């Protein structure tokens, strides 16, 4: 048997400079000199934050379709991607310092309709302004009068603030978040996830707080 002490390599395939749809595919690939590849870890980073977040962990796949449960692209944001691999011998490569692929997401005016109307689908629009310091407005749309819950979570999935819960009329509802948690304390700067749940469906949006 050949002794393998060399970590495998991995890279994310190039993405278009500008992506115009919130649904796109991120591909990656790898190579190993001896024992063979086992899995990949893939990370992404929003241009507005300094840290990397997981897109896929210990996956045997070579691609993922965005958006995912934890990653919903935001309009006019640039996203960076990088990957690492592990092999049969247990060697794990380090993530590259810089990104291996990037794309700028531009969806036009989809997030904020010019003329609000009774919608036909459940929707959670991007908050405005975003990023924000003191307050931001979140707009949700319901196709019918149902029980709905709108809440904010931190990036680790912990509940920060329940903004709305109860029977909600069909149409557009605007809710203001003052950047405070359920105890009344102002939250720290960072990325948060706003989640809308209604009629057995769920919609997610990322919010950036900057003090």
N, C-alpha and C. Protein backbone atom coordinates (compact mmCIF):
# COMPACT_ATOMS: atom_id res chain seq x y z
N UNK A 1 0.83 -1.19 0.00
CA UNK A 1 0.00 0.00 0.00
C UNK A 1 0.87 1.24 0.00
N UNK A 2 0.46 2.24 -0.75
CA UNK A 2 1.21 3.48 -0.84
C UNK A 2 0.82 4.40 0.29
N UNK A 3 1.81 4.90 1.03
CA UNK A 3 1.54 5.82 2.13
C UNK A 3 1.13 7.17 1.58
N UNK A 4 0.03 7.72 2.10
CA UNK A 4 -0.49 8.98 1.59
C UNK A 4 -0.51 10.01 2.71
N UNK A 5 0.35 10.99 2.62
CA UNK A 5 0.41 12.07 3.62
C UNK A 5 0.16 13.43 2.99
N UNK A 6 -0.30 13.42 1.75
CA UNK A 6 -0.52 14.67 1.04
C UNK A 6 -2.01 14.99 0.97
N UNK A 7 -2.33 16.19 1.36
CA UNK A 7 -3.74 16.61 1.33
C UNK A 7 -4.21 16.80 -0.11
N UNK A 8 -5.46 16.48 -0.40
CA UNK A 8 -5.98 16.65 -1.76
C UNK A 8 -6.24 18.13 -2.05
N UNK A 9 -6.47 18.42 -3.31
CA UNK A 9 -6.77 19.79 -3.72
C UNK A 9 -8.24 19.91 -4.11
N UNK A 10 -8.76 21.12 -4.03
CA UNK A 10 -10.16 21.36 -4.41
C UNK A 10 -10.30 22.80 -4.86
N UNK A 11 -11.23 23.04 -5.75
CA UNK A 11 -11.49 24.39 -6.22
C UNK A 11 -12.94 24.52 -6.64
N UNK A 12 -13.45 25.74 -6.57
CA UNK A 12 -14.81 26.04 -7.02
C UNK A 12 -14.73 26.55 -8.45
N UNK A 13 -15.58 26.01 -9.32
CA UNK A 13 -15.58 26.45 -10.71
C UNK A 13 -15.99 27.91 -10.82
N UNK A 14 -15.46 28.63 -11.81
CA UNK A 14 -15.82 30.04 -11.99
C UNK A 14 -17.32 30.24 -12.16
N UNK A 15 -17.79 31.36 -11.64
CA UNK A 15 -19.19 31.75 -11.77
C UNK A 15 -19.30 33.00 -12.64
N UNK A 16 -20.47 33.28 -13.19
CA UNK A 16 -20.62 34.52 -13.96
C UNK A 16 -20.32 35.73 -13.09
N UNK A 17 -19.76 36.77 -13.68
CA UNK A 17 -19.45 37.98 -12.92
C UNK A 17 -20.71 38.57 -12.30
N UNK A 18 -21.83 38.47 -13.03
CA UNK A 18 -23.11 38.96 -12.53
C UNK A 18 -24.15 37.85 -12.69
N UNK A 19 -24.86 37.55 -11.60
CA UNK A 19 -25.94 36.57 -11.62
C UNK A 19 -27.25 37.32 -11.49
N UNK A 20 -28.18 37.07 -12.40
CA UNK A 20 -29.44 37.82 -12.42
C UNK A 20 -30.63 37.04 -11.89
N UNK A 21 -30.40 35.83 -11.44
CA UNK A 21 -31.48 35.04 -10.85
C UNK A 21 -31.02 34.52 -9.50
N UNK A 22 -31.91 34.50 -8.47
CA UNK A 22 -31.52 34.02 -7.14
C UNK A 22 -31.27 32.51 -7.10
N UNK A 23 -31.60 31.81 -8.19
CA UNK A 23 -31.35 30.38 -8.25
C UNK A 23 -30.21 30.09 -9.22
N UNK A 24 -29.09 29.63 -8.69
CA UNK A 24 -27.95 29.29 -9.53
C UNK A 24 -27.20 28.12 -8.91
N UNK A 25 -26.29 27.52 -9.67
CA UNK A 25 -25.59 26.32 -9.22
C UNK A 25 -24.11 26.65 -8.97
N UNK A 26 -23.62 26.21 -7.82
CA UNK A 26 -22.20 26.33 -7.50
C UNK A 26 -21.57 24.95 -7.67
N UNK A 27 -20.56 24.84 -8.54
CA UNK A 27 -19.87 23.58 -8.79
C UNK A 27 -18.47 23.62 -8.19
N UNK A 28 -17.98 22.47 -7.75
CA UNK A 28 -16.60 22.37 -7.28
C UNK A 28 -16.00 21.04 -7.73
N UNK A 29 -14.70 20.93 -7.64
CA UNK A 29 -14.01 19.70 -8.06
C UNK A 29 -12.75 19.54 -7.24
N UNK A 30 -12.17 18.32 -7.27
CA UNK A 30 -10.95 18.07 -6.50
C UNK A 30 -10.10 17.00 -7.14
N UNK A 31 -8.90 16.84 -6.59
CA UNK A 31 -7.96 15.82 -7.08
C UNK A 31 -7.12 15.34 -5.91
N UNK A 32 -6.71 14.06 -5.99
CA UNK A 32 -5.87 13.47 -4.94
C UNK A 32 -4.81 12.61 -5.60
N UNK A 33 -3.61 12.60 -5.02
CA UNK A 33 -2.49 11.92 -5.67
C UNK A 33 -2.41 10.43 -5.38
N UNK A 34 -3.17 9.92 -4.38
CA UNK A 34 -2.98 8.52 -4.02
C UNK A 34 -4.26 7.80 -3.62
N UNK A 35 -4.78 8.11 -2.43
CA UNK A 35 -5.84 7.28 -1.86
C UNK A 35 -7.24 7.56 -2.39
N UNK A 36 -7.46 8.74 -2.94
CA UNK A 36 -8.78 9.06 -3.48
C UNK A 36 -9.58 9.99 -2.58
N UNK A 37 -10.46 10.75 -3.21
CA UNK A 37 -11.26 11.74 -2.48
C UNK A 37 -12.43 11.09 -1.74
N UNK A 38 -12.77 11.67 -0.60
CA UNK A 38 -13.91 11.20 0.19
C UNK A 38 -15.03 12.22 0.22
N UNK A 39 -14.69 13.48 0.49
CA UNK A 39 -15.75 14.48 0.61
C UNK A 39 -15.17 15.89 0.47
N UNK A 40 -16.10 16.85 0.40
CA UNK A 40 -15.73 18.26 0.26
C UNK A 40 -16.40 19.10 1.34
N UNK A 41 -15.75 20.20 1.68
CA UNK A 41 -16.37 21.26 2.47
C UNK A 41 -16.34 22.52 1.60
N UNK A 42 -17.45 23.23 1.55
CA UNK A 42 -17.54 24.43 0.73
C UNK A 42 -18.07 25.57 1.59
N UNK A 43 -17.47 26.74 1.45
CA UNK A 43 -17.89 27.92 2.20
C UNK A 43 -18.23 29.07 1.27
N UNK A 44 -19.03 30.01 1.77
CA UNK A 44 -19.32 31.23 1.03
C UNK A 44 -19.18 32.42 1.98
N UNK A 45 -19.01 33.60 1.41
CA UNK A 45 -18.91 34.82 2.21
C UNK A 45 -19.61 35.95 1.49
N UNK A 46 -20.41 36.71 2.24
CA UNK A 46 -21.05 37.91 1.71
C UNK A 46 -20.03 39.04 1.73
N UNK A 47 -20.04 39.88 0.72
CA UNK A 47 -19.08 40.98 0.64
C UNK A 47 -19.21 41.95 1.81
N UNK A 48 -20.37 41.93 2.50
CA UNK A 48 -20.60 42.86 3.60
C UNK A 48 -20.11 42.33 4.94
N UNK A 49 -19.68 41.09 5.00
CA UNK A 49 -19.21 40.52 6.26
C UNK A 49 -17.81 39.96 6.07
N UNK A 50 -17.11 39.77 7.20
CA UNK A 50 -15.71 39.35 7.12
C UNK A 50 -15.51 37.86 7.30
N UNK A 51 -16.54 37.15 7.73
CA UNK A 51 -16.38 35.73 8.03
C UNK A 51 -16.99 34.85 6.95
N UNK A 52 -16.51 33.59 6.91
CA UNK A 52 -17.02 32.59 5.96
C UNK A 52 -18.08 31.73 6.64
N UNK A 53 -19.10 31.35 5.88
CA UNK A 53 -20.17 30.49 6.39
C UNK A 53 -20.21 29.20 5.58
N UNK A 54 -20.64 28.09 6.19
CA UNK A 54 -20.68 26.82 5.45
C UNK A 54 -21.79 26.79 4.42
N UNK A 55 -21.45 26.32 3.23
CA UNK A 55 -22.44 26.06 2.18
C UNK A 55 -22.71 24.57 2.07
N UNK A 56 -21.65 23.75 2.28
CA UNK A 56 -21.78 22.29 2.29
C UNK A 56 -20.66 21.74 3.16
N UNK A 57 -20.97 20.73 3.98
CA UNK A 57 -19.98 20.13 4.88
C UNK A 57 -19.94 18.63 4.66
N UNK A 58 -18.73 18.12 4.46
CA UNK A 58 -18.49 16.68 4.28
C UNK A 58 -19.47 16.09 3.26
N UNK A 59 -19.63 16.79 2.16
CA UNK A 59 -20.53 16.32 1.12
C UNK A 59 -19.78 15.52 0.07
N UNK A 60 -20.45 14.53 -0.49
CA UNK A 60 -19.87 13.75 -1.59
C UNK A 60 -20.34 14.30 -2.94
N UNK A 61 -21.22 15.31 -2.90
CA UNK A 61 -21.70 15.92 -4.14
C UNK A 61 -20.63 16.86 -4.71
N UNK A 62 -20.83 17.27 -5.95
CA UNK A 62 -19.90 18.21 -6.57
C UNK A 62 -20.59 19.51 -6.96
N UNK A 63 -21.79 19.75 -6.42
CA UNK A 63 -22.50 20.99 -6.70
C UNK A 63 -23.64 21.17 -5.71
N UNK A 64 -24.15 22.38 -5.65
CA UNK A 64 -25.31 22.68 -4.83
C UNK A 64 -26.11 23.78 -5.53
N UNK A 65 -27.43 23.67 -5.43
CA UNK A 65 -28.30 24.67 -6.02
C UNK A 65 -28.62 25.73 -4.97
N UNK A 66 -28.34 26.98 -5.28
CA UNK A 66 -28.65 28.10 -4.42
C UNK A 66 -30.00 28.68 -4.87
N UNK A 67 -30.92 29.09 -4.00
CA UNK A 67 -30.72 29.23 -2.56
C UNK A 67 -30.87 27.91 -1.82
N UNK A 68 -30.26 27.85 -0.63
CA UNK A 68 -30.41 26.72 0.26
C UNK A 68 -31.19 27.18 1.48
N UNK A 69 -31.42 26.28 2.40
CA UNK A 69 -32.15 26.63 3.62
C UNK A 69 -31.44 27.73 4.40
N UNK A 70 -30.10 27.73 4.35
CA UNK A 70 -29.32 28.69 5.14
C UNK A 70 -28.73 29.83 4.32
N UNK A 71 -28.80 29.75 3.01
CA UNK A 71 -28.16 30.76 2.17
C UNK A 71 -29.14 31.25 1.12
N UNK A 72 -29.64 32.46 1.32
CA UNK A 72 -30.54 33.10 0.36
C UNK A 72 -29.86 34.36 -0.15
N UNK A 73 -29.46 34.39 -1.43
CA UNK A 73 -28.76 35.56 -1.97
C UNK A 73 -29.58 36.84 -1.83
N UNK A 74 -28.89 37.94 -1.52
CA UNK A 74 -29.54 39.23 -1.40
C UNK A 74 -29.17 40.12 -2.58
N UNK A 75 -30.14 40.91 -3.00
CA UNK A 75 -29.96 41.76 -4.16
C UNK A 75 -28.80 42.74 -3.97
N UNK A 76 -27.97 42.87 -5.00
CA UNK A 76 -26.83 43.78 -5.03
C UNK A 76 -25.74 43.41 -4.01
N UNK A 77 -25.62 42.15 -3.70
CA UNK A 77 -24.53 41.65 -2.86
C UNK A 77 -23.58 40.82 -3.71
N UNK A 78 -22.30 40.84 -3.36
CA UNK A 78 -21.30 40.00 -4.01
C UNK A 78 -21.00 38.83 -3.09
N UNK A 79 -20.92 37.63 -3.68
CA UNK A 79 -20.67 36.42 -2.89
C UNK A 79 -19.39 35.73 -3.37
N UNK A 80 -18.61 35.26 -2.40
CA UNK A 80 -17.36 34.58 -2.67
C UNK A 80 -17.47 33.12 -2.21
N UNK A 81 -16.78 32.22 -2.91
CA UNK A 81 -16.87 30.80 -2.60
C UNK A 81 -15.48 30.17 -2.57
N UNK A 82 -15.29 29.17 -1.71
CA UNK A 82 -14.04 28.43 -1.67
C UNK A 82 -14.32 27.02 -1.18
N UNK A 83 -13.44 26.08 -1.53
CA UNK A 83 -13.66 24.67 -1.18
C UNK A 83 -12.36 24.02 -0.70
N UNK A 84 -12.52 22.95 0.06
CA UNK A 84 -11.40 22.11 0.45
C UNK A 84 -11.87 20.66 0.36
N UNK A 85 -10.92 19.71 0.35
CA UNK A 85 -11.27 18.30 0.19
C UNK A 85 -10.58 17.45 1.25
N UNK A 86 -11.10 16.25 1.46
CA UNK A 86 -10.46 15.26 2.33
C UNK A 86 -10.37 13.95 1.57
N UNK A 87 -9.35 13.15 1.88
CA UNK A 87 -9.16 11.90 1.15
C UNK A 87 -9.35 10.69 2.04
N UNK A 88 -9.23 9.51 1.46
CA UNK A 88 -9.44 8.25 2.17
C UNK A 88 -8.48 8.10 3.34
N UNK A 89 -7.27 8.62 3.20
CA UNK A 89 -6.26 8.51 4.25
C UNK A 89 -6.51 9.47 5.41
N UNK A 90 -7.51 10.33 5.28
CA UNK A 90 -7.82 11.25 6.37
C UNK A 90 -7.18 12.61 6.23
N UNK A 91 -6.45 12.85 5.15
CA UNK A 91 -5.84 14.16 4.95
C UNK A 91 -6.92 15.17 4.57
N UNK A 92 -6.84 16.34 5.18
CA UNK A 92 -7.80 17.42 4.89
C UNK A 92 -7.02 18.65 4.50
N UNK A 93 -7.35 19.20 3.37
CA UNK A 93 -6.67 20.40 2.91
C UNK A 93 -7.16 21.62 3.70
N UNK A 94 -6.35 22.65 3.74
CA UNK A 94 -6.77 23.91 4.34
C UNK A 94 -7.56 24.71 3.30
N UNK A 95 -8.49 25.52 3.79
CA UNK A 95 -9.18 26.41 2.87
C UNK A 95 -8.18 27.43 2.31
N UNK A 96 -8.30 27.80 1.07
CA UNK A 96 -7.46 28.87 0.54
C UNK A 96 -7.78 30.18 1.27
N UNK A 97 -6.82 31.05 1.38
CA UNK A 97 -7.02 32.32 2.07
C UNK A 97 -8.04 33.18 1.33
N UNK A 98 -7.94 33.20 0.02
CA UNK A 98 -8.86 34.00 -0.79
C UNK A 98 -9.92 33.12 -1.43
N UNK A 99 -10.91 33.75 -2.04
CA UNK A 99 -11.98 33.00 -2.69
C UNK A 99 -11.49 32.37 -3.99
N UNK A 100 -12.20 31.33 -4.43
CA UNK A 100 -11.89 30.66 -5.69
C UNK A 100 -12.89 31.01 -6.79
N UNK A 101 -14.02 31.56 -6.39
CA UNK A 101 -15.05 31.98 -7.36
C UNK A 101 -15.89 33.05 -6.71
N UNK A 102 -16.49 33.89 -7.52
CA UNK A 102 -17.36 34.92 -6.98
C UNK A 102 -18.39 35.34 -8.01
N UNK A 103 -19.49 35.92 -7.52
CA UNK A 103 -20.53 36.44 -8.40
C UNK A 103 -21.26 37.56 -7.69
N UNK A 104 -21.75 38.51 -8.46
CA UNK A 104 -22.53 39.63 -7.92
C UNK A 104 -23.98 39.42 -8.32
N UNK A 105 -24.86 39.38 -7.32
CA UNK A 105 -26.26 39.08 -7.57
C UNK A 105 -27.05 40.38 -7.77
N UNK A 106 -27.70 40.50 -8.93
CA UNK A 106 -28.54 41.65 -9.24
C UNK A 106 -29.87 41.13 -9.76
N UNK A 107 -30.91 41.38 -9.01
CA UNK A 107 -32.24 40.88 -9.39
C UNK A 107 -33.17 42.00 -9.83
N UNK A 108 -32.68 43.20 -9.94
CA UNK A 108 -33.52 44.32 -10.34
C UNK A 108 -34.51 44.70 -9.27
N UNK A 109 -35.75 44.91 -9.66
CA UNK A 109 -36.75 45.41 -8.72
C UNK A 109 -37.67 44.33 -8.19
N UNK A 110 -37.22 43.07 -8.24
CA UNK A 110 -38.09 41.97 -7.81
C UNK A 110 -38.43 42.06 -6.34
N UNK A 111 -37.45 42.53 -5.51
CA UNK A 111 -37.66 42.55 -4.07
C UNK A 111 -38.70 43.57 -3.62
N UNK A 112 -38.85 44.66 -4.36
CA UNK A 112 -39.77 45.72 -3.94
C UNK A 112 -40.70 46.08 -5.10
N UNK A 113 -41.87 45.51 -5.19
CA UNK A 113 -42.79 45.80 -6.28
C UNK A 113 -43.16 47.28 -6.29
N UNK A 114 -43.28 47.86 -7.48
CA UNK A 114 -43.60 49.28 -7.59
C UNK A 114 -45.01 49.57 -7.13
N UNK A 115 -45.94 48.65 -7.41
CA UNK A 115 -47.33 48.83 -7.02
C UNK A 115 -47.79 47.61 -6.23
N UNK A 116 -47.83 47.73 -4.90
CA UNK A 116 -48.27 46.61 -4.08
C UNK A 116 -49.66 46.15 -4.47
N UNK A 117 -49.86 44.84 -4.49
CA UNK A 117 -51.17 44.28 -4.84
C UNK A 117 -51.37 42.99 -4.08
N UNK A 118 -52.59 42.51 -4.03
CA UNK A 118 -52.86 41.24 -3.38
C UNK A 118 -52.10 40.16 -4.14
N UNK A 119 -51.17 39.48 -3.50
CA UNK A 119 -50.32 38.51 -4.20
C UNK A 119 -50.99 37.16 -4.33
N UNK A 120 -50.37 36.32 -5.14
CA UNK A 120 -50.89 34.97 -5.32
C UNK A 120 -50.04 33.92 -4.65
N UNK A 121 -48.88 34.34 -4.10
CA UNK A 121 -47.99 33.40 -3.44
C UNK A 121 -47.45 34.00 -2.15
N UNK A 122 -46.95 33.15 -1.29
CA UNK A 122 -46.31 33.61 -0.06
C UNK A 122 -44.97 34.23 -0.41
N UNK A 123 -44.68 35.42 0.12
CA UNK A 123 -43.42 36.09 -0.20
C UNK A 123 -42.91 36.86 1.01
N UNK A 124 -41.60 36.88 1.13
CA UNK A 124 -40.92 37.68 2.15
C UNK A 124 -39.92 38.56 1.42
N UNK A 125 -40.18 39.87 1.37
CA UNK A 125 -39.32 40.78 0.63
C UNK A 125 -38.10 41.16 1.45
N UNK A 126 -37.06 41.60 0.76
CA UNK A 126 -35.86 42.06 1.44
C UNK A 126 -36.17 43.28 2.29
N UNK A 127 -35.64 43.30 3.50
CA UNK A 127 -35.87 44.45 4.37
C UNK A 127 -35.23 45.71 3.82
N UNK A 128 -35.79 46.85 4.15
CA UNK A 128 -35.22 48.13 3.73
C UNK A 128 -35.23 49.10 4.92
N UNK A 129 -34.13 49.79 5.19
CA UNK A 129 -32.84 49.62 4.49
C UNK A 129 -32.13 48.36 4.94
N UNK A 130 -31.14 47.96 4.16
CA UNK A 130 -30.30 46.81 4.50
C UNK A 130 -28.92 47.00 3.84
N UNK A 131 -27.86 47.15 4.66
CA UNK A 131 -27.79 47.05 6.12
C UNK A 131 -28.51 48.22 6.81
N UNK A 132 -28.73 48.07 8.12
CA UNK A 132 -29.38 49.13 8.88
C UNK A 132 -28.76 49.24 10.26
N UNK A 133 -29.05 50.38 10.90
CA UNK A 133 -28.52 50.63 12.24
C UNK A 133 -29.63 50.58 13.28
N UNK A 134 -30.61 51.47 13.16
CA UNK A 134 -31.64 51.58 14.19
C UNK A 134 -32.91 50.78 13.86
N UNK A 135 -33.51 51.03 12.71
CA UNK A 135 -34.75 50.34 12.35
C UNK A 135 -34.72 49.92 10.89
N UNK A 136 -35.51 48.90 10.59
CA UNK A 136 -35.67 48.43 9.21
C UNK A 136 -37.09 47.93 9.04
N UNK A 137 -37.59 48.00 7.82
CA UNK A 137 -38.96 47.56 7.53
C UNK A 137 -38.94 46.26 6.74
N UNK A 138 -39.72 45.30 7.20
CA UNK A 138 -39.82 43.99 6.56
C UNK A 138 -41.23 43.83 6.01
N UNK A 139 -41.35 43.49 4.74
CA UNK A 139 -42.65 43.33 4.09
C UNK A 139 -42.90 41.86 3.77
N UNK A 140 -44.06 41.37 4.19
CA UNK A 140 -44.44 40.00 3.86
C UNK A 140 -45.75 40.04 3.09
N UNK A 141 -45.94 39.05 2.23
CA UNK A 141 -47.15 38.95 1.42
C UNK A 141 -47.79 37.59 1.63
N UNK A 142 -49.08 37.59 1.84
CA UNK A 142 -49.82 36.35 2.05
C UNK A 142 -50.92 36.22 1.00
N UNK A 143 -51.08 35.03 0.42
CA UNK A 143 -52.12 34.81 -0.60
C UNK A 143 -53.52 34.72 -0.01
N UNK A 144 -53.60 34.47 1.31
CA UNK A 144 -54.89 34.36 1.97
C UNK A 144 -54.71 34.66 3.45
N UNK A 145 -55.80 34.84 4.16
CA UNK A 145 -55.74 35.10 5.59
C UNK A 145 -55.40 33.80 6.33
N UNK A 146 -54.23 33.78 6.93
CA UNK A 146 -53.74 32.57 7.61
C UNK A 146 -52.98 32.97 8.86
N UNK A 147 -52.64 31.97 9.67
CA UNK A 147 -51.75 32.19 10.80
C UNK A 147 -50.32 32.28 10.30
N UNK A 148 -49.64 33.34 10.65
CA UNK A 148 -48.27 33.55 10.18
C UNK A 148 -47.36 33.95 11.34
N UNK A 149 -46.09 33.58 11.21
CA UNK A 149 -45.10 33.95 12.22
C UNK A 149 -43.86 34.50 11.52
N UNK A 150 -43.42 35.65 11.98
CA UNK A 150 -42.21 36.29 11.46
C UNK A 150 -41.24 36.46 12.61
N UNK A 151 -40.03 35.89 12.46
CA UNK A 151 -39.06 35.93 13.55
C UNK A 151 -37.66 36.15 13.01
N UNK A 152 -36.78 36.64 13.87
CA UNK A 152 -35.39 36.89 13.52
C UNK A 152 -34.50 35.94 14.32
N UNK A 153 -33.53 35.33 13.63
CA UNK A 153 -32.60 34.39 14.25
C UNK A 153 -31.17 34.86 13.99
N UNK A 154 -30.24 34.44 14.86
CA UNK A 154 -28.84 34.72 14.56
C UNK A 154 -28.32 33.66 13.60
N UNK A 155 -27.07 33.78 13.17
CA UNK A 155 -26.55 32.86 12.15
C UNK A 155 -26.37 31.45 12.68
N UNK A 156 -26.49 31.28 14.01
CA UNK A 156 -26.38 29.94 14.59
C UNK A 156 -27.75 29.30 14.81
N UNK A 157 -28.81 29.99 14.36
CA UNK A 157 -30.15 29.44 14.46
C UNK A 157 -30.86 29.72 15.77
N UNK A 158 -30.30 30.59 16.61
CA UNK A 158 -30.94 30.92 17.88
C UNK A 158 -31.95 32.05 17.70
N UNK A 159 -33.13 31.89 18.30
CA UNK A 159 -34.16 32.91 18.19
C UNK A 159 -33.70 34.21 18.83
N UNK A 160 -33.84 35.31 18.10
CA UNK A 160 -33.47 36.63 18.59
C UNK A 160 -34.72 37.43 18.95
N UNK A 161 -35.68 37.46 18.04
CA UNK A 161 -36.88 38.28 18.26
C UNK A 161 -38.05 37.73 17.45
N UNK A 162 -39.19 37.56 18.09
CA UNK A 162 -40.42 37.23 17.38
C UNK A 162 -41.11 38.55 17.05
N UNK A 163 -41.20 38.86 15.77
CA UNK A 163 -41.74 40.15 15.35
C UNK A 163 -43.25 40.13 15.15
N UNK A 164 -43.78 38.98 14.79
CA UNK A 164 -45.21 38.89 14.51
C UNK A 164 -45.65 37.44 14.63
N UNK A 165 -46.80 37.23 15.24
CA UNK A 165 -47.34 35.87 15.35
C UNK A 165 -48.84 35.95 15.51
N UNK A 166 -49.57 35.30 14.61
CA UNK A 166 -51.02 35.30 14.72
C UNK A 166 -51.69 35.33 13.37
N UNK A 167 -53.02 35.41 13.38
CA UNK A 167 -53.80 35.46 12.15
C UNK A 167 -53.47 36.77 11.42
N UNK A 168 -53.12 36.63 10.14
CA UNK A 168 -52.69 37.78 9.33
C UNK A 168 -53.51 37.84 8.06
N UNK A 169 -53.96 39.03 7.72
CA UNK A 169 -54.82 39.20 6.54
C UNK A 169 -54.04 38.99 5.25
N UNK A 170 -54.75 38.58 4.20
CA UNK A 170 -54.14 38.44 2.89
C UNK A 170 -53.66 39.80 2.40
N UNK A 171 -52.60 39.77 1.60
CA UNK A 171 -52.05 41.01 1.08
C UNK A 171 -50.69 41.30 1.67
N UNK A 172 -50.33 42.57 1.67
CA UNK A 172 -49.00 42.99 2.10
C UNK A 172 -49.06 43.55 3.51
N UNK A 173 -48.18 43.09 4.37
CA UNK A 173 -48.06 43.57 5.74
C UNK A 173 -46.63 44.06 5.95
N UNK A 174 -46.48 45.26 6.47
CA UNK A 174 -45.16 45.82 6.77
C UNK A 174 -44.92 45.79 8.26
N UNK A 175 -43.76 45.29 8.66
CA UNK A 175 -43.40 45.17 10.07
C UNK A 175 -42.04 45.82 10.29
N UNK A 176 -41.93 46.64 11.31
CA UNK A 176 -40.68 47.34 11.61
C UNK A 176 -39.94 46.62 12.73
N UNK A 177 -38.65 46.34 12.50
CA UNK A 177 -37.80 45.78 13.55
C UNK A 177 -36.87 46.88 14.02
N UNK A 178 -36.83 47.09 15.34
CA UNK A 178 -35.99 48.13 15.92
C UNK A 178 -34.59 47.65 16.28
N UNK A 179 -34.21 46.46 15.80
CA UNK A 179 -32.86 45.96 16.06
C UNK A 179 -32.65 45.49 17.48
N UNK A 180 -33.75 45.16 18.18
CA UNK A 180 -33.64 44.67 19.56
C UNK A 180 -34.12 43.23 19.65
N UNK A 181 -33.62 42.51 20.68
CA UNK A 181 -34.04 41.13 20.87
C UNK A 181 -35.29 41.08 21.73
N UNK A 182 -35.73 39.87 22.08
CA UNK A 182 -36.98 39.74 22.84
C UNK A 182 -36.88 40.31 24.25
N UNK A 183 -35.66 40.50 24.76
CA UNK A 183 -35.49 41.08 26.09
C UNK A 183 -35.41 42.60 26.04
N UNK A 184 -35.38 43.17 24.83
CA UNK A 184 -35.30 44.61 24.69
C UNK A 184 -33.91 45.15 24.49
N UNK A 185 -32.91 44.27 24.49
CA UNK A 185 -31.53 44.69 24.30
C UNK A 185 -31.22 44.86 22.82
N UNK A 186 -30.42 45.87 22.49
CA UNK A 186 -30.04 46.07 21.09
C UNK A 186 -29.07 44.98 20.66
N UNK A 187 -29.30 44.40 19.49
CA UNK A 187 -28.45 43.31 19.02
C UNK A 187 -27.13 43.89 18.51
N UNK A 188 -26.11 43.06 18.47
CA UNK A 188 -24.80 43.48 18.00
C UNK A 188 -24.75 43.47 16.48
N UNK A 189 -23.75 44.12 15.92
CA UNK A 189 -23.58 44.12 14.47
C UNK A 189 -23.36 42.70 13.97
N UNK A 190 -23.89 42.41 12.78
CA UNK A 190 -23.71 41.08 12.22
C UNK A 190 -24.83 40.73 11.26
N UNK A 191 -24.83 39.48 10.82
CA UNK A 191 -25.84 38.98 9.90
C UNK A 191 -26.88 38.18 10.67
N UNK A 192 -28.15 38.45 10.38
CA UNK A 192 -29.26 37.76 11.01
C UNK A 192 -30.17 37.20 9.91
N UNK A 193 -30.98 36.22 10.29
CA UNK A 193 -31.88 35.59 9.33
C UNK A 193 -33.32 35.86 9.76
N UNK A 194 -34.10 36.42 8.83
CA UNK A 194 -35.52 36.64 9.08
C UNK A 194 -36.30 35.49 8.45
N UNK A 195 -37.18 34.87 9.23
CA UNK A 195 -37.91 33.69 8.74
C UNK A 195 -39.41 33.94 8.83
N UNK A 196 -40.10 33.72 7.72
CA UNK A 196 -41.55 33.78 7.67
C UNK A 196 -42.10 32.37 7.51
N UNK A 197 -43.03 31.99 8.37
CA UNK A 197 -43.69 30.69 8.27
C UNK A 197 -45.20 30.91 8.22
N UNK A 198 -45.83 30.33 7.21
CA UNK A 198 -47.28 30.45 7.06
C UNK A 198 -47.77 29.38 6.10
N UNK A 199 -48.93 28.82 6.40
CA UNK A 199 -49.57 27.82 5.54
C UNK A 199 -48.64 26.65 5.21
N UNK A 200 -47.80 26.26 6.18
CA UNK A 200 -46.89 25.14 5.98
C UNK A 200 -45.68 25.47 5.12
N UNK A 201 -45.50 26.73 4.77
CA UNK A 201 -44.37 27.15 3.94
C UNK A 201 -43.43 28.04 4.74
N UNK A 202 -42.20 28.19 4.22
CA UNK A 202 -41.21 29.00 4.91
C UNK A 202 -40.44 29.83 3.89
N UNK A 203 -40.15 31.08 4.25
CA UNK A 203 -39.34 31.97 3.43
C UNK A 203 -38.27 32.59 4.33
N UNK A 204 -37.05 32.76 3.77
CA UNK A 204 -35.93 33.30 4.54
C UNK A 204 -35.33 34.51 3.84
N UNK A 205 -34.83 35.45 4.65
CA UNK A 205 -34.07 36.58 4.15
C UNK A 205 -32.96 36.89 5.15
N UNK A 206 -31.83 37.36 4.63
CA UNK A 206 -30.73 37.75 5.51
C UNK A 206 -30.75 39.25 5.74
N UNK A 207 -30.50 39.64 7.00
CA UNK A 207 -30.49 41.04 7.39
C UNK A 207 -29.10 41.37 7.95
N UNK A 208 -28.61 42.55 7.62
CA UNK A 208 -27.30 42.97 8.11
C UNK A 208 -27.48 44.16 9.06
N UNK A 209 -26.99 44.01 10.29
CA UNK A 209 -27.02 45.08 11.27
C UNK A 209 -25.62 45.67 11.40
N UNK A 210 -25.51 46.96 11.22
CA UNK A 210 -24.21 47.63 11.32
C UNK A 210 -24.35 48.84 12.24
N UNK A 211 -23.61 48.85 13.36
CA UNK A 211 -23.64 49.97 14.29
C UNK A 211 -22.42 50.86 14.07
